[in-house]
Every structure is written in structure tokens, then in C-alpha cells.
């Protein structure tokens, strides 16, 4: 039971991390000290998408689910939880490159604005 709760909590953390990667730059506009957390998170998010890396949070969730007697899943967090809702056809390397580009573009725009305000 505890492993299942931990796995569910990790799913929530994973989702929040993805949202921070995408939109954390907007928080940096208000709280500049967040830059030290957001830049590495955004770099990791882009790297995962562009280089098709497996996020360790996905691996940990699968391990916890297996410890709870549940089955894990193949692929990544986005593919398992988010992608079926948005694009049921599946995730391709080209789309992953596009997603990484979107993350990079959003954050580049925010940081360009941040630099102009300095």
C-alpha cells in the first residue's frame, strides 16, 4: 500500500516537474532566485526530449509499482500518462524533437525578456 501511494505521489511530482520545466521561467520573472533551479531543470527537460533519454523518475515509479504488486509500464511518463490523452497515435522521435524545441523556445523567450529587464 505504501509503495502504491509513493508511486502515485511520484507521478504528481513528475507532472509538477514537467510544468516547472515548461513554465518555470515565468516564475523566474517574479522570483529571480528560482533561476538556479529552473535552468538545470529546463536543460534536463530539453535533453530528455532531444536525446530520447529515460527519466529516472519513470524508472523509480515503475520500481515502486512493482514493489506494490502492480505492473510498471514501458516508455516514459509523457507516453504513459499524458500522450494517450493528447495524441493517442503515439510518440515518435520527430515529435519528441518538436516537444524539446517548444520547451527551448518558451524558455528562451522568457529569459530574453528577463535579460532585457535587468
PDB file of N, CA and C in Angstrom:
ATOM      1  N   UNK A   1       0.815  -1.190   0.000  1.00  0.00           N
ATOM      2  CA  UNK A   1       0.000   0.000   0.000  1.00  0.00           C
ATOM      3  C   UNK A   1       0.865   1.263   0.000  1.00  0.00           C
ATOM      4  N   UNK A   2       1.926   1.276   0.827  1.00  0.00           N
ATOM      5  CA  UNK A   2       2.794   2.440   0.888  1.00  0.00           C
ATOM      6  C   UNK A   2       3.539   2.657  -0.428  1.00  0.00           C
ATOM      7  N   UNK A   3       3.948   1.553  -1.083  1.00  0.00           N
ATOM      8  CA  UNK A   3       4.627   1.702  -2.362  1.00  0.00           C
ATOM      9  C   UNK A   3       3.696   2.300  -3.414  1.00  0.00           C
ATOM     10  N   UNK A   4       2.441   1.909  -3.378  1.00  0.00           N
ATOM     11  CA  UNK A   4       1.475   2.452  -4.337  1.00  0.00           C
ATOM     12  C   UNK A   4       1.269   3.953  -4.100  1.00  0.00           C
ATOM     13  N   UNK A   5       1.141   4.341  -2.851  1.00  0.00           N
ATOM     14  CA  UNK A   5       0.982   5.761  -2.512  1.00  0.00           C
ATOM     15  C   UNK A   5       2.237   6.537  -2.937  1.00  0.00           C
ATOM     16  N   UNK A   6       3.414   5.950  -2.700  1.00  0.00           N
ATOM     17  CA  UNK A   6       4.658   6.597  -3.099  1.00  0.00           C
ATOM     18  C   UNK A   6       4.731   6.746  -4.618  1.00  0.00           C
ATOM     19  N   UNK A   7       4.323   5.706  -5.338  1.00  0.00           N
ATOM     20  CA  UNK A   7       4.332   5.770  -6.804  1.00  0.00           C
ATOM     21  C   UNK A   7       3.368   6.838  -7.306  1.00  0.00           C
ATOM     22  N   UNK A   8       2.182   6.913  -6.703  1.00  0.00           N
ATOM     23  CA  UNK A   8       1.206   7.943  -7.092  1.00  0.00           C
ATOM     24  C   UNK A   8       1.739   9.346  -6.778  1.00  0.00           C
ATOM     25  N   UNK A   9       2.391   9.489  -5.633  1.00  0.00           N
ATOM     26  CA  UNK A   9       2.992  10.771  -5.281  1.00  0.00           C
ATOM     27  C   UNK A   9       4.101  11.153  -6.253  1.00  0.00           C
ATOM     28  N   UNK A  10       4.863  10.157  -6.689  1.00  0.00           N
ATOM     29  CA  UNK A  10       5.926  10.412  -7.652  1.00  0.00           C
ATOM     30  C   UNK A  10       5.351  10.847  -8.998  1.00  0.00           C
ATOM     31  N   UNK A  11       4.197  10.298  -9.384  1.00  0.00           N
ATOM     32  CA  UNK A  11       3.529  10.737 -10.612  1.00  0.00           C
ATOM     33  C   UNK A  11       3.170  12.221 -10.503  1.00  0.00           C
ATOM     34  N   UNK A  12       2.633  12.622  -9.369  1.00  0.00           N
ATOM     35  CA  UNK A  12       2.274  14.024  -9.161  1.00  0.00           C
ATOM     36  C   UNK A  12       3.528  14.907  -9.199  1.00  0.00           C
ATOM     37  N   UNK A  13       4.585  14.485  -8.524  1.00  0.00           N
ATOM     38  CA  UNK A  13       5.836  15.239  -8.543  1.00  0.00           C
ATOM     39  C   UNK A  13       6.368  15.358  -9.962  1.00  0.00           C
ATOM     40  N   UNK A  14       6.313  14.259 -10.715  1.00  0.00           N
ATOM     41  CA  UNK A  14       6.796  14.233 -12.092  1.00  0.00           C
ATOM     42  C   UNK A  14       6.024  15.243 -12.952  1.00  0.00           C
ATOM     43  N   UNK A  15       4.718  15.275 -12.780  1.00  0.00           N
ATOM     44  CA  UNK A  15       3.891  16.226 -13.527  1.00  0.00           C
ATOM     45  C   UNK A  15       4.253  17.666 -13.151  1.00  0.00           C
ATOM     46  N   UNK A  16       4.417  17.925 -11.867  1.00  0.00           N
ATOM     47  CA  UNK A  16       4.794  19.261 -11.420  1.00  0.00           C
ATOM     48  C   UNK A  16       6.174  19.657 -11.945  1.00  0.00           C
ATOM     49  N   UNK A  17       7.075  18.703 -12.000  1.00  0.00           N
ATOM     50  CA  UNK A  17       8.406  18.977 -12.535  1.00  0.00           C
ATOM     51  C   UNK A  17       8.319  19.359 -14.009  1.00  0.00           C
ATOM     52  N   UNK A  18       7.507  18.628 -14.774  1.00  0.00           N
ATOM     53  CA  UNK A  18       7.336  18.931 -16.195  1.00  0.00           C
ATOM     54  C   UNK A  18       6.745  20.327 -16.369  1.00  0.00           C
ATOM     55  N   UNK A  19       5.770  20.670 -15.557  1.00  0.00           N
ATOM     56  CA  UNK A  19       5.187  22.008 -15.626  1.00  0.00           C
ATOM     57  C   UNK A  19       6.220  23.076 -15.260  1.00  0.00           C
ATOM     58  N   UNK A  20       7.070  22.791 -14.292  1.00  0.00           N
ATOM     59  CA  UNK A  20       8.135  23.720 -13.909  1.00  0.00           C
ATOM     60  C   UNK A  20       9.129  23.891 -15.047  1.00  0.00           C
ATOM     61  N   UNK A  21       9.459  22.792 -15.731  1.00  0.00           N
ATOM     62  CA  UNK A  21      10.360  22.871 -16.881  1.00  0.00           C
ATOM     63  C   UNK A  21       9.761  23.774 -17.950  1.00  0.00           C
ATOM     64  N   UNK A  22       8.487  23.588 -18.232  1.00  0.00           N
ATOM     65  CA  UNK A  22       7.832  24.366 -19.281  1.00  0.00           C
ATOM     66  C   UNK A  22       7.625  25.830 -18.911  1.00  0.00           C
ATOM     67  N   UNK A  23       7.129  26.064 -17.717  1.00  0.00           N
ATOM     68  CA  UNK A  23       6.672  27.410 -17.359  1.00  0.00           C
ATOM     69  C   UNK A  23       7.422  28.049 -16.192  1.00  0.00           C
ATOM     70  N   UNK A  24       8.453  27.392 -15.690  1.00  0.00           N
ATOM     71  CA  UNK A  24       9.194  27.916 -14.552  1.00  0.00           C
ATOM     72  C   UNK A  24       9.877  29.233 -14.836  1.00  0.00           C
ATOM     73  N   UNK A  25      10.193  29.471 -16.105  1.00  0.00           N
ATOM     74  CA  UNK A  25      10.797  30.742 -16.464  1.00  0.00           C
ATOM     75  C   UNK A  25       9.894  31.915 -16.118  1.00  0.00           C
ATOM     76  N   UNK A  26       8.590  31.698 -16.190  1.00  0.00           N
ATOM     77  CA  UNK A  26       7.648  32.754 -15.810  1.00  0.00           C
ATOM     78  C   UNK A  26       7.757  33.061 -14.318  1.00  0.00           C
ATOM     79  N   UNK A  27       8.022  32.042 -13.528  1.00  0.00           N
ATOM     80  CA  UNK A  27       8.230  32.268 -12.090  1.00  0.00           C
ATOM     81  C   UNK A  27       9.531  33.027 -11.845  1.00  0.00           C
ATOM     82  N   UNK A  28      10.529  32.767 -12.699  1.00  0.00           N
ATOM     83  CA  UNK A  28      11.813  33.457 -12.564  1.00  0.00           C
ATOM     84  C   UNK A  28      11.647  34.958 -12.794  1.00  0.00           C
ATOM     85  N   UNK A  29      10.696  35.340 -13.638  1.00  0.00           N
ATOM     86  CA  UNK A  29      10.463  36.763 -13.850  1.00  0.00           C
ATOM     87  C   UNK A  29      10.075  37.464 -12.553  1.00  0.00           C
ATOM     88  N   UNK A  30       9.389  36.736 -11.682  1.00  0.00           N
ATOM     89  CA  UNK A  30       8.957  37.321 -10.406  1.00  0.00           C
ATOM     90  C   UNK A  30       9.979  37.057  -9.291  1.00  0.00           C
ATOM     91  N   UNK A  31      10.459  35.827  -9.206  1.00  0.00           N
ATOM     92  CA  UNK A  31      11.402  35.440  -8.164  1.00  0.00           C
ATOM     93  C   UNK A  31      12.710  35.020  -8.832  1.00  0.00           C
ATOM     94  N   UNK A  32      13.621  35.946  -8.938  1.00  0.00           N
ATOM     95  CA  UNK A  32      14.858  35.735  -9.701  1.00  0.00           C
ATOM     96  C   UNK A  32      15.703  34.576  -9.169  1.00  0.00           C
ATOM     97  N   UNK A  33      15.652  34.314  -7.888  1.00  0.00           N
ATOM     98  CA  UNK A  33      16.470  33.261  -7.292  1.00  0.00           C
ATOM     99  C   UNK A  33      16.093  31.879  -7.829  1.00  0.00           C
ATOM    100  N   UNK A  34      14.907  31.739  -8.398  1.00  0.00           N
ATOM    101  CA  UNK A  34      14.500  30.444  -8.963  1.00  0.00           C
ATOM    102  C   UNK A  34      15.294  30.061 -10.202  1.00  0.00           C
ATOM    103  N   UNK A  35      16.036  31.011 -10.756  1.00  0.00           N
ATOM    104  CA  UNK A  35      16.825  30.724 -11.953  1.00  0.00           C
ATOM    105  C   UNK A  35      17.789  29.563 -11.707  1.00  0.00           C
ATOM    106  N   UNK A  36      18.296  29.466 -10.462  1.00  0.00           N
ATOM    107  CA  UNK A  36      19.265  28.411 -10.128  1.00  0.00           C
ATOM    108  C   UNK A  36      18.629  27.028 -10.115  1.00  0.00           C
ATOM    109  N   UNK A  37      17.315  26.961 -10.009  1.00  0.00           N
ATOM    110  CA  UNK A  37      16.604  25.682 -10.071  1.00  0.00           C
ATOM    111  C   UNK A  37      16.030  25.449 -11.463  1.00  0.00           C
ATOM    112  N   UNK A  38      15.569  26.543 -12.084  1.00  0.00           N
ATOM    113  CA  UNK A  38      14.888  26.382 -13.358  1.00  0.00           C
ATOM    114  C   UNK A  38      15.832  26.066 -14.521  1.00  0.00           C
ATOM    115  N   UNK A  39      16.956  26.754 -14.612  1.00  0.00           N
ATOM    116  CA  UNK A  39      17.859  26.493 -15.735  1.00  0.00           C
ATOM    117  C   UNK A  39      18.306  25.035 -15.821  1.00  0.00           C
ATOM    118  N   UNK A  40      18.738  24.413 -14.714  1.00  0.00           N
ATOM    119  CA  UNK A  40      19.098  22.992 -14.815  1.00  0.00           C
ATOM    120  C   UNK A  40      17.889  22.105 -15.132  1.00  0.00           C
ATOM    121  N   UNK A  41      16.731  22.444 -14.575  1.00  0.00           N
ATOM    122  CA  UNK A  41      15.522  21.650 -14.856  1.00  0.00           C
ATOM    123  C   UNK A  41      15.142  21.761 -16.328  1.00  0.00           C
ATOM    124  N   UNK A  42      15.196  22.965 -16.876  1.00  0.00           N
ATOM    125  CA  UNK A  42      14.868  23.165 -18.289  1.00  0.00           C
ATOM    126  C   UNK A  42      15.884  22.459 -19.181  1.00  0.00           C
ATOM    127  N   UNK A  43      17.159  22.529 -18.827  1.00  0.00           N
ATOM    128  CA  UNK A  43      18.188  21.831 -19.610  1.00  0.00           C
ATOM    129  C   UNK A  43      17.940  20.328 -19.604  1.00  0.00           C
ATOM    130  N   UNK A  44      17.589  19.799 -18.449  1.00  0.00           N
ATOM    131  CA  UNK A  44      17.283  18.367 -18.350  1.00  0.00           C
ATOM    132  C   UNK A  44      16.062  18.023 -19.204  1.00  0.00           C
ATOM    133  N   UNK A  45      15.017  18.840 -19.133  1.00  0.00           N
ATOM    134  CA  UNK A  45      13.812  18.584 -19.918  1.00  0.00           C
ATOM    135  C   UNK A  45      14.085  18.566 -21.410  1.00  0.00           C
ATOM    136  N   UNK A  46      14.885  19.517 -21.870  1.00  0.00           N
ATOM    137  CA  UNK A  46      15.244  19.543 -23.289  1.00  0.00           C
ATOM    138  C   UNK A  46      16.078  18.315 -23.639  1.00  0.00           C
ATOM    139  N   UNK A  47      17.056  17.968 -22.807  1.00  0.00           N
ATOM    140  CA  UNK A  47      17.920  16.814 -23.073  1.00  0.00           C
ATOM    141  C   UNK A  47      17.117  15.518 -23.142  1.00  0.00           C
ATOM    142  N   UNK A  48      16.167  15.343 -22.237  1.00  0.00           N
ATOM    143  CA  UNK A  48      15.352  14.123 -22.234  1.00  0.00           C
ATOM    144  C   UNK A  48      14.594  13.981 -23.549  1.00  0.00           C
ATOM    145  N   UNK A  49      14.028  15.089 -24.030  1.00  0.00           N
ATOM    146  CA  UNK A  49      13.255  15.035 -25.262  1.00  0.00           C
ATOM    147  C   UNK A  49      14.142  14.901 -26.500  1.00  0.00           C
ATOM    148  N   UNK A  50      15.201  15.690 -26.575  1.00  0.00           N
ATOM    149  CA  UNK A  50      16.034  15.714 -27.779  1.00  0.00           C
ATOM    150  C   UNK A  50      16.859  14.432 -27.921  1.00  0.00           C
ATOM    151  N   UNK A  51      17.402  13.930 -26.818  1.00  0.00           N
ATOM    152  CA  UNK A  51      18.264  12.755 -26.875  1.00  0.00           C
ATOM    153  C   UNK A  51      17.546  11.456 -26.519  1.00  0.00           C
ATOM    154  N   UNK A  52      16.227  11.526 -26.327  1.00  0.00           N
ATOM    155  CA  UNK A  52      15.391  10.347 -26.047  1.00  0.00           C
ATOM    156  C   UNK A  52      15.883   9.583 -24.819  1.00  0.00           C
ATOM    157  N   UNK A  53      16.220  10.343 -23.773  1.00  0.00           N
ATOM    158  CA  UNK A  53      16.682   9.740 -22.520  1.00  0.00           C
ATOM    159  C   UNK A  53      15.489   9.255 -21.713  1.00  0.00           C
ATOM    160  N   UNK A  54      15.721   8.278 -20.877  1.00  0.00           N
ATOM    161  CA  UNK A  54      14.695   7.821 -19.955  1.00  0.00           C
ATOM    162  C   UNK A  54      14.858   8.583 -18.650  1.00  0.00           C
ATOM    163  N   UNK A  55      13.783   9.206 -18.197  1.00  0.00           N
ATOM    164  CA  UNK A  55      13.831   9.960 -16.959  1.00  0.00           C
ATOM    165  C   UNK A  55      13.906   8.983 -15.778  1.00  0.00           C
ATOM    166  N   UNK A  56      14.786   9.231 -14.814  1.00  0.00           N
ATOM    167  CA  UNK A  56      14.873   8.323 -13.669  1.00  0.00           C
ATOM    168  C   UNK A  56      13.588   8.291 -12.836  1.00  0.00           C
ATOM    169  N   UNK A  57      12.791   9.351 -12.867  1.00  0.00           N
ATOM    170  CA  UNK A  57      11.525   9.321 -12.121  1.00  0.00           C
ATOM    171  C   UNK A  57      10.605   8.232 -12.642  1.00  0.00           C
ATOM    172  N   UNK A  58      10.617   8.003 -13.953  1.00  0.00           N
ATOM    173  CA  UNK A  58       9.809   6.940 -14.553  1.00  0.00           C
ATOM    174  C   UNK A  58      10.282   5.582 -14.052  1.00  0.00           C
ATOM    175  N   UNK A  59      11.596   5.389 -14.018  1.00  0.00           N
ATOM    176  CA  UNK A  59      12.141   4.117 -13.536  1.00  0.00           C
ATOM    177  C   UNK A  59      11.776   3.896 -12.068  1.00  0.00           C
ATOM    178  N   UNK A  60      11.876   4.944 -11.254  1.00  0.00           N
ATOM    179  CA  UNK A  60      11.547   4.809  -9.833  1.00  0.00           C
ATOM    180  C   UNK A  60      10.062   4.488  -9.645  1.00  0.00           C
ATOM    181  N   UNK A  61       9.227   5.139 -10.432  1.00  0.00           N
ATOM    182  CA  UNK A  61       7.798   4.852 -10.318  1.00  0.00           C
ATOM    183  C   UNK A  61       7.520   3.394 -10.653  1.00  0.00           C
ATOM    184  N   UNK A  62       8.123   2.898 -11.719  1.00  0.00           N
ATOM    185  CA  UNK A  62       7.917   1.504 -12.094  1.00  0.00           C
ATOM    186  C   UNK A  62       8.396   0.552 -11.001  1.00  0.00           C
ATOM    187  N   UNK A  63       9.534   0.864 -10.397  1.00  0.00           N
ATOM    188  CA  UNK A  63      10.040   0.016  -9.305  1.00  0.00           C
ATOM    189  C   UNK A  63       9.069   0.003  -8.123  1.00  0.00           C
ATOM    190  N   UNK A  64       8.525   1.173  -7.786  1.00  0.00           N
ATOM    191  CA  UNK A  64       7.568   1.248  -6.672  1.00  0.00           C
ATOM    192  C   UNK A  64       6.280   0.505  -7.008  1.00  0.00           C
ATOM    193  N   UNK A  65       5.824   0.624  -8.247  1.00  0.00           N
ATOM    194  CA  UNK A  65       4.604  -0.086  -8.645  1.00  0.00           C
ATOM    195  C   UNK A  65       4.823  -1.589  -8.567  1.00  0.00           C
ATOM    196  N   UNK A  66       5.974  -2.055  -9.009  1.00  0.00           N
ATOM    197  CA  UNK A  66       6.275  -3.483  -8.940  1.00  0.00           C
ATOM    198  C   UNK A  66       6.367  -3.950  -7.488  1.00  0.00           C
ATOM    199  N   UNK A  67       6.964  -3.124  -6.620  1.00  0.00           N
ATOM    200  CA  UNK A  67       7.048  -3.463  -5.195  1.00  0.00           C
ATOM    201  C   UNK A  67       5.662  -3.514  -4.561  1.00  0.00           C
ATOM    202  N   UNK A  68       4.719  -2.766  -5.125  1.00  0.00           N
ATOM    203  CA  UNK A  68       3.346  -2.752  -4.614  1.00  0.00           C
ATOM    204  C   UNK A  68       2.515  -3.880  -5.220  1.00  0.00           C
ATOM    205  N   UNK A  69       3.138  -4.694  -6.075  1.00  0.00           N
ATOM    206  CA  UNK A  69       2.396  -5.793  -6.693  1.00  0.00           C
ATOM    207  C   UNK A  69       1.671  -5.380  -7.960  1.00  0.00           C
ATOM    208  N   UNK A  70       1.926  -4.190  -8.436  1.00  0.00           N
ATOM    209  CA  UNK A  70       1.333  -3.724  -9.685  1.00  0.00           C
ATOM    210  C   UNK A  70       2.349  -3.901 -10.810  1.00  0.00           C
ATOM    211  N   UNK A  71       1.870  -3.752 -12.030  1.00  0.00           N
ATOM    212  CA  UNK A  71       2.807  -3.808 -13.140  1.00  0.00           C
ATOM    213  C   UNK A  71       3.255  -2.399 -13.477  1.00  0.00           C
ATOM    214  N   UNK A  72       4.493  -2.278 -13.861  1.00  0.00           N
ATOM    215  CA  UNK A  72       5.013  -0.992 -14.312  1.00  0.00           C
ATOM    216  C   UNK A  72       4.558  -0.761 -15.746  1.00  0.00           C
ATOM    217  N   UNK A  73       5.195   0.139 -16.424  1.00  0.00           N
ATOM    218  CA  UNK A  73       4.871   0.405 -17.816  1.00  0.00           C
ATOM    219  C   UNK A  73       6.146   0.690 -18.578  1.00  0.00           C
ATOM    220  N   UNK A  74       6.107   0.427 -19.870  1.00  0.00           N
ATOM    221  CA  UNK A  74       7.240   0.742 -20.732  1.00  0.00           C
ATOM    222  C   UNK A  74       7.133   2.174 -21.199  1.00  0.00           C
ATOM    223  N   UNK A  75       8.209   2.688 -21.714  1.00  0.00           N
ATOM    224  CA  UNK A  75       8.192   4.061 -22.204  1.00  0.00           C
ATOM    225  C   UNK A  75       8.351   5.051 -21.073  1.00  0.00           C
ATOM    226  N   UNK A  76       8.026   6.293 -21.358  1.00  0.00           N
ATOM    227  CA  UNK A  76       8.208   7.356 -20.391  1.00  0.00           C
ATOM    228  C   UNK A  76       6.914   7.853 -19.798  1.00  0.00           C
ATOM    229  N   UNK A  77       7.048   8.777 -18.875  1.00  0.00           N
ATOM    230  CA  UNK A  77       5.916   9.372 -18.170  1.00  0.00           C
ATOM    231  C   UNK A  77       4.935  10.020 -19.141  1.00  0.00           C
ATOM    232  N   UNK A  78       5.471  10.825 -20.056  1.00  0.00           N
ATOM    233  CA  UNK A  78       4.618  11.516 -21.024  1.00  0.00           C
ATOM    234  C   UNK A  78       3.854  10.492 -21.856  1.00  0.00           C
ATOM    235  N   UNK A  79       4.567   9.485 -22.334  1.00  0.00           N
ATOM    236  CA  UNK A  79       3.925   8.469 -23.174  1.00  0.00           C
ATOM    237  C   UNK A  79       2.829   7.727 -22.420  1.00  0.00           C
ATOM    238  N   UNK A  80       3.042   7.477 -21.140  1.00  0.00           N
ATOM    239  CA  UNK A  80       2.071   6.678 -20.390  1.00  0.00           C
ATOM    240  C   UNK A  80       0.876   7.489 -19.901  1.00  0.00           C
ATOM    241  N   UNK A  81       1.113   8.676 -19.369  1.00  0.00           N
ATOM    242  CA  UNK A  81       0.036   9.433 -18.731  1.00  0.00           C
ATOM    243  C   UNK A  81      -0.544  10.550 -19.593  1.00  0.00           C
ATOM    244  N   UNK A  82       0.327  11.292 -20.278  1.00  0.00           N
ATOM    245  CA  UNK A  82      -0.129  12.496 -20.972  1.00  0.00           C
ATOM    246  C   UNK A  82      -0.427  12.229 -22.451  1.00  0.00           C
ATOM    247  N   UNK A  83       0.487  11.558 -23.110  1.00  0.00           N
ATOM    248  CA  UNK A  83       0.360  11.386 -24.547  1.00  0.00           C
ATOM    249  C   UNK A  83      -0.929  10.703 -24.995  1.00  0.00           C
ATOM    250  N   UNK A  84      -1.389   9.639 -24.334  1.00  0.00           N
ATOM    251  CA  UNK A  84      -2.627   8.999 -24.783  1.00  0.00           C
ATOM    252  C   UNK A  84      -3.826   9.949 -24.771  1.00  0.00           C
ATOM    253  N   UNK A  85      -3.786  10.944 -23.913  1.00  0.00           N
ATOM    254  CA  UNK A  85      -4.880  11.909 -23.850  1.00  0.00           C
ATOM    255  C   UNK A  85      -4.772  12.908 -24.999  1.00  0.00           C
ATOM    256  N   UNK A  86      -3.567  13.360 -25.280  1.00  0.00           N
ATOM    257  CA  UNK A  86      -3.378  14.401 -26.289  1.00  0.00           C
ATOM    258  C   UNK A  86      -3.230  13.809 -27.692  1.00  0.00           C
ATOM    259  N   UNK A  87      -2.346  12.845 -27.838  1.00  0.00           N
ATOM    260  CA  UNK A  87      -2.064  12.238 -29.146  1.00  0.00           C
ATOM    261  C   UNK A  87      -2.088  10.721 -29.023  1.00  0.00           C
ATOM    262  N   UNK A  88      -3.246  10.102 -29.151  1.00  0.00           N
ATOM    263  CA  UNK A  88      -3.344   8.659 -28.959  1.00  0.00           C
ATOM    264  C   UNK A  88      -2.526   7.822 -29.938  1.00  0.00           C
ATOM    265  N   UNK A  89      -2.118   8.385 -31.056  1.00  0.00           N
ATOM    266  CA  UNK A  89      -1.396   7.607 -32.059  1.00  0.00           C
ATOM    267  C   UNK A  89      -0.004   7.187 -31.578  1.00  0.00           C
ATOM    268  N   UNK A  90       0.603   7.899 -30.672  1.00  0.00           N
ATOM    269  CA  UNK A  90       1.910   7.525 -30.146  1.00  0.00           C
ATOM    270  C   UNK A  90       2.946   8.607 -30.320  1.00  0.00           C
ATOM    271  N   UNK A  91       4.033   8.414 -29.627  1.00  0.00           N
ATOM    272  CA  UNK A  91       5.112   9.392 -29.611  1.00  0.00           C
ATOM    273  C   UNK A  91       6.203   8.939 -30.579  1.00  0.00           C
ATOM    274  N   UNK A  92       6.606   9.810 -31.487  1.00  0.00           N
ATOM    275  CA  UNK A  92       7.679   9.499 -32.430  1.00  0.00           C
ATOM    276  C   UNK A  92       8.896  10.358 -32.098  1.00  0.00           C
ATOM    277  N   UNK A  93      10.068   9.957 -32.571  1.00  0.00           N
ATOM    278  CA  UNK A  93      11.255  10.787 -32.332  1.00  0.00           C
ATOM    279  C   UNK A  93      11.105  12.206 -32.885  1.00  0.00           C
ATOM    280  N   UNK A  94      10.453  12.355 -34.009  1.00  0.00           N
ATOM    281  CA  UNK A  94      10.260  13.691 -34.575  1.00  0.00           C
ATOM    282  C   UNK A  94       9.402  14.551 -33.654  1.00  0.00           C
ATOM    283  N   UNK A  95       8.372  13.972 -33.078  1.00  0.00           N
ATOM    284  CA  UNK A  95       7.504  14.720 -32.165  1.00  0.00           C
ATOM    285  C   UNK A  95       8.268  15.060 -30.892  1.00  0.00           C
ATOM    286  N   UNK A  96       9.090  14.143 -30.420  1.00  0.00           N
ATOM    287  CA  UNK A  96       9.897  14.426 -29.237  1.00  0.00           C
ATOM    288  C   UNK A  96      10.837  15.592 -29.501  1.00  0.00           C
ATOM    289  N   UNK A  97      11.426  15.631 -30.687  1.00  0.00           N
ATOM    290  CA  UNK A  97      12.287  16.754 -31.042  1.00  0.00           C
ATOM    291  C   UNK A  97      11.484  18.046 -31.052  1.00  0.00           C
ATOM    292  N   UNK A  98      10.263  17.976 -31.553  1.00  0.00           N
ATOM    293  CA  UNK A  98       9.383  19.141 -31.545  1.00  0.00           C
ATOM    294  C   UNK A  98       9.063  19.595 -30.136  1.00  0.00           C
ATOM    295  N   UNK A  99       8.773  18.649 -29.250  1.00  0.00           N
ATOM    296  CA  UNK A  99       8.480  18.995 -27.852  1.00  0.00           C
ATOM    297  C   UNK A  99       9.681  19.656 -27.189  1.00  0.00           C
ATOM    298  N   UNK A 100      10.859  19.103 -27.434  1.00  0.00           N
ATOM    299  CA  UNK A 100      12.073  19.709 -26.886  1.00  0.00           C
ATOM    300  C   UNK A 100      12.266  21.121 -27.416  1.00  0.00           C
ATOM    301  N   UNK A 101      11.941  21.327 -28.681  1.00  0.00           N
ATOM    302  CA  UNK A 101      12.043  22.661 -29.281  1.00  0.00           C
ATOM    303  C   UNK A 101      11.055  23.636 -28.651  1.00  0.00           C
ATOM    304  N   UNK A 102       9.854  23.151 -28.347  1.00  0.00           N
ATOM    305  CA  UNK A 102       8.849  24.000 -27.697  1.00  0.00           C
ATOM    306  C   UNK A 102       9.335  24.427 -26.316  1.00  0.00           C
ATOM    307  N   UNK A 103       9.865  23.482 -25.556  1.00  0.00           N
ATOM    308  CA  UNK A 103      10.405  23.800 -24.226  1.00  0.00           C
ATOM    309  C   UNK A 103      11.510  24.843 -24.353  1.00  0.00           C
ATOM    310  N   UNK A 104      12.405  24.639 -25.304  1.00  0.00           N
ATOM    311  CA  UNK A 104      13.505  25.569 -25.503  1.00  0.00           C
ATOM    312  C   UNK A 104      12.992  26.949 -25.928  1.00  0.00           C
ATOM    313  N   UNK A 105      12.039  26.992 -26.838  1.00  0.00           N
ATOM    314  CA  UNK A 105      11.513  28.267 -27.333  1.00  0.00           C
ATOM    315  C   UNK A 105      10.806  29.058 -26.236  1.00  0.00           C
ATOM    316  N   UNK A 106       9.944  28.381 -25.468  1.00  0.00           N
ATOM    317  CA  UNK A 106       9.224  29.063 -24.387  1.00  0.00           C
ATOM    318  C   UNK A 106      10.217  29.682 -23.410  1.00  0.00           C
ATOM    319  N   UNK A 107      11.195  28.886 -23.011  1.00  0.00           N
ATOM    320  CA  UNK A 107      12.143  29.377 -22.018  1.00  0.00           C
ATOM    321  C   UNK A 107      13.097  30.411 -22.597  1.00  0.00           C
ATOM    322  N   UNK A 108      13.451  30.301 -23.863  1.00  0.00           N
ATOM    323  CA  UNK A 108      14.303  31.317 -24.484  1.00  0.00           C
ATOM    324  C   UNK A 108      13.589  32.661 -24.499  1.00  0.00           C
ATOM    325  N   UNK A 109      12.302  32.661 -24.842  1.00  0.00           N
ATOM    326  CA  UNK A 109      11.542  33.915 -24.851  1.00  0.00           C
ATOM    327  C   UNK A 109      11.484  34.536 -23.456  1.00  0.00           C
ATOM    328  N   UNK A 110      11.253  33.716 -22.461  1.00  0.00           N
ATOM    329  CA  UNK A 110      11.171  34.228 -21.096  1.00  0.00           C
ATOM    330  C   UNK A 110      12.518  34.797 -20.653  1.00  0.00           C
ATOM    331  N   UNK A 111      13.611  34.082 -20.936  1.00  0.00           N
ATOM    332  CA  UNK A 111      14.904  34.552 -20.486  1.00  0.00           C
ATOM    333  C   UNK A 111      15.405  35.759 -21.280  1.00  0.00           C
ATOM    334  N   UNK A 112      15.020  35.881 -22.540  1.00  0.00           N
ATOM    335  CA  UNK A 112      15.342  37.090 -23.291  1.00  0.00           C
ATOM    336  C   UNK A 112      14.650  38.278 -22.625  1.00  0.00           C
ATOM    337  N   UNK A 113      13.394  38.105 -22.269  1.00  0.00           N
ATOM    338  CA  UNK A 113      12.675  39.185 -21.580  1.00  0.00           C
ATOM    339  C   UNK A 113      13.324  39.494 -20.231  1.00  0.00           C
ATOM    340  N   UNK A 114      13.712  38.460 -19.531  1.00  0.00           N
ATOM    341  CA  UNK A 114      14.373  38.654 -18.233  1.00  0.00           C
ATOM    342  C   UNK A 114      15.654  39.465 -18.390  1.00  0.00           C
ATOM    343  N   UNK A 115      16.437  39.155 -19.405  1.00  0.00           N
ATOM    344  CA  UNK A 115      17.687  39.870 -19.627  1.00  0.00           C
ATOM    345  C   UNK A 115      17.441  41.327 -19.993  1.00  0.00           C
ATOM    346  N   UNK A 116      16.371  41.594 -20.710  1.00  0.00           N
ATOM    347  CA  UNK A 116      16.041  42.972 -21.073  1.00  0.00           C
ATOM    348  C   UNK A 116      15.638  43.797 -19.842  1.00  0.00           C
ATOM    349  N   UNK A 117      15.079  43.126 -18.844  1.00  0.00           N
ATOM    350  CA  UNK A 117      14.616  43.813 -17.638  1.00  0.00           C
ATOM    351  C   UNK A 117      15.735  44.007 -16.604  1.00  0.00           C
ATOM    352  N   UNK A 118      16.893  43.483 -16.866  1.00  0.00           N
ATOM    353  CA  UNK A 118      17.993  43.615 -15.877  1.00  0.00           C
ATOM    354  C   UNK A 118      18.579  44.974 -15.887  1.00  0.00           C
TER     355      UNK A 118
END
